[in-house]
Amino acid sequence: MEKYFLNLNETIKEYLKILSDEIPDFLYNYINTPLFNIRFIAINDFIDSFKNPESVNTILLPFKNLINDEYARDVSIKIRSSLNGKKKRGEFVGSFPSYGYVKDEKDKHKLVIDEVAADIVRKIFDWHVNLGLGKIAILNSNFK
């Protein structure tokens, strides 16, 4: 009997994996949580499926989940759009500039050449382009 239950349990899990692509996330979570004894906690909504199982059986839970997912997707699209606009205007949007550059003190979205590293970068470029040295050969040269 136990073997049959384990096989049935695995079969249900496989079906849920297949269906998870087909049904919305909120419905998958709504079905999956009580079925496999998974604890669901929503701190802001005072929902805990172990302490108060009835709190999960409300119709509002899947809709709140759906609204939160849509809000996160909307914010993500807006941030991506903002970053793409900055990139199109030529502004630097990274955290750390590449070696040989530093952020401008007046405008953090503008890069300026780091004069200390500029000589090293020029040497590496010259060795690669004019002498045809590869990465390993440049590393072995010890920057002489």
Protein backbone atom coordinates (compact mmCIF):
# COMPACT_ATOMS: atom_id res chain seq x y z
CA MET A 1 0.00 0.00 0.00
CA GLU A 2 2.83 2.42 0.90
CA LYS A 3 4.56 1.77 -2.43
CA TYR A 4 1.32 2.53 -4.28
CA PHE A 5 0.96 5.81 -2.33
CA LEU A 6 4.53 6.87 -3.16
CA ASN A 7 3.99 6.12 -6.85
CA LEU A 8 0.71 8.05 -6.80
CA ASN A 9 2.41 10.94 -5.00
CA GLU A 10 5.19 11.05 -7.64
CA THR A 11 2.60 10.87 -10.43
CA ILE A 12 0.70 13.81 -8.96
CA LYS A 13 3.94 15.80 -8.69
CA GLU A 14 4.77 15.05 -12.33
CA TYR A 15 1.31 16.15 -13.46
CA LEU A 16 1.63 19.35 -11.45
CA LYS A 17 5.01 20.05 -13.05
CA ILE A 18 3.49 19.61 -16.50
CA LEU A 19 0.43 21.70 -15.65
CA SER A 20 2.46 24.44 -13.99
CA ASP A 21 3.32 25.79 -17.44
CA GLU A 22 -0.33 25.75 -18.43
CA ILE A 23 -2.10 27.16 -15.39
CA PRO A 24 -1.37 30.51 -13.75
CA ASP A 25 1.06 30.62 -10.85
CA PHE A 26 -1.56 31.69 -8.34
CA LEU A 27 -3.71 28.64 -9.10
CA TYR A 28 -0.69 26.31 -8.95
CA ASN A 29 0.23 27.65 -5.51
CA TYR A 30 -3.38 27.50 -4.38
CA ILE A 31 -3.64 23.81 -5.30
CA ASN A 32 -0.10 22.76 -4.40
CA THR A 33 0.09 24.21 -0.87
CA PRO A 34 -2.49 22.04 0.91
CA LEU A 35 -1.89 18.99 -1.29
CA PHE A 36 1.75 18.49 -0.27
CA ASN A 37 1.51 19.95 3.22
CA ILE A 38 3.51 23.05 2.25
CA ARG A 39 3.35 25.97 4.67
CA PHE A 40 2.20 29.22 3.06
CA ILE A 41 2.94 32.45 4.94
CA ALA A 42 1.95 35.97 3.88
CA ILE A 43 3.14 38.28 6.65
CA ASN A 44 1.40 41.47 5.52
CA ASP A 45 -1.92 39.67 5.08
CA PHE A 46 -1.65 37.68 8.36
CA ILE A 47 -1.94 34.36 6.53
CA ASP A 48 -0.29 31.20 7.85
CA SER A 49 -1.55 27.89 6.51
CA PHE A 50 -0.35 25.93 9.57
CA LYS A 51 -1.57 28.25 12.34
CA ASN A 52 -4.82 29.16 10.63
CA PRO A 53 -5.67 26.82 7.71
CA GLU A 54 -8.89 28.70 6.95
CA SER A 55 -6.89 31.82 6.09
CA VAL A 56 -5.63 30.12 2.90
CA ASN A 57 -9.12 29.16 1.74
CA THR A 58 -10.20 32.68 0.90
CA ILE A 59 -10.95 33.74 -2.66
CA LEU A 60 -8.84 36.89 -2.18
CA LEU A 61 -5.55 35.02 -1.88
CA PRO A 62 -5.19 33.97 -5.54
CA PHE A 63 -6.25 37.42 -6.73
CA LYS A 64 -3.77 39.19 -4.44
CA ASN A 65 -1.08 36.84 -5.73
CA LEU A 66 -2.03 37.66 -9.31
CA ILE A 67 -2.04 41.41 -8.65
CA ASN A 68 1.36 41.23 -6.93
CA ASP A 69 2.81 39.28 -9.87
CA GLU A 70 1.47 41.84 -12.34
CA TYR A 71 2.83 44.71 -10.24
CA ALA A 72 6.30 43.13 -10.15
CA ARG A 73 6.17 42.56 -13.93
CA ASP A 74 5.09 46.16 -14.52
CA VAL A 75 7.87 47.58 -12.34
CA SER A 76 10.40 45.35 -14.10
CA ILE A 77 9.31 46.64 -17.52
CA LYS A 78 9.56 50.27 -16.35
CA ILE A 79 13.05 49.77 -14.89
CA ARG A 80 14.23 48.02 -18.04
CA SER A 81 12.81 50.84 -20.17
CA SER A 82 14.53 53.46 -18.03
CA LEU A 83 17.89 51.67 -18.26
CA ASN A 84 17.54 51.26 -22.03
CA GLY A 85 16.85 55.00 -22.35
CA LYS A 86 19.98 55.82 -20.35
CA LYS A 87 22.04 53.46 -22.51
CA LYS A 88 20.72 55.08 -25.71
CA ARG A 89 21.75 58.49 -24.37
CA GLY A 90 25.25 57.09 -23.78
CA GLU A 91 25.06 57.14 -20.00
CA PHE A 92 26.97 54.55 -17.97
CA VAL A 93 24.54 52.40 -15.98
CA GLY A 94 26.89 49.83 -14.44
CA SER A 95 28.08 49.64 -10.85
CA PHE A 96 31.80 49.48 -11.57
CA PRO A 97 33.58 50.83 -14.64
CA SER A 98 35.93 48.64 -16.64
CA TYR A 99 39.66 48.75 -15.93
CA GLY A 100 41.11 51.93 -17.37
CA TYR A 101 38.05 54.05 -16.62
CA VAL A 102 36.67 55.84 -13.57
CA LYS A 103 33.33 57.50 -12.97
CA ASP A 104 33.29 61.24 -13.45
CA GLU A 105 33.11 63.06 -10.11
CA LYS A 106 30.47 65.49 -11.41
CA ASP A 107 28.30 63.00 -13.34
CA LYS A 108 28.16 59.38 -12.18
CA HIS A 109 26.72 58.31 -15.54
CA LYS A 110 29.81 59.46 -17.41
CA LEU A 111 33.13 57.62 -17.61
CA VAL A 112 36.53 59.28 -17.91
CA ILE A 113 39.90 57.71 -18.63
CA ASP A 114 41.89 56.67 -15.57
CA GLU A 115 45.31 58.14 -16.32
CA VAL A 116 47.06 55.77 -13.91
CA ALA A 117 45.79 52.70 -15.73
CA ALA A 118 45.85 54.26 -19.21
CA ASP A 119 49.52 53.45 -19.84
CA ILE A 120 48.98 49.77 -18.96
CA VAL A 121 45.90 49.53 -21.17
CA ARG A 122 47.78 51.16 -24.08
CA LYS A 123 50.67 48.68 -23.66
CA ILE A 124 48.29 45.70 -23.62
CA PHE A 125 46.52 47.02 -26.72
CA ASP A 126 49.82 47.60 -28.53
CA TRP A 127 51.12 44.11 -27.68
CA HIS A 128 47.93 42.50 -28.89
CA VAL A 129 47.33 44.51 -32.08
CA ASN A 130 50.85 45.34 -33.27
CA LEU A 131 52.85 42.36 -31.94
CA GLY A 132 50.06 39.79 -32.17
CA LEU A 133 50.50 38.55 -28.60
CA GLY A 134 47.65 36.61 -27.02
CA LYS A 135 46.35 36.75 -23.47
CA ILE A 136 48.79 34.19 -22.09
CA ALA A 137 51.81 35.79 -23.73
CA ILE A 138 50.80 39.22 -22.38
CA LEU A 139 50.36 37.77 -18.88
CA ASN A 140 53.75 36.07 -19.05
CA SER A 141 55.46 39.31 -20.10
CA ASN A 142 54.86 40.80 -16.61
CA PHE A 143 54.08 44.18 -18.24
CA LYS A 144 57.74 45.10 -18.97
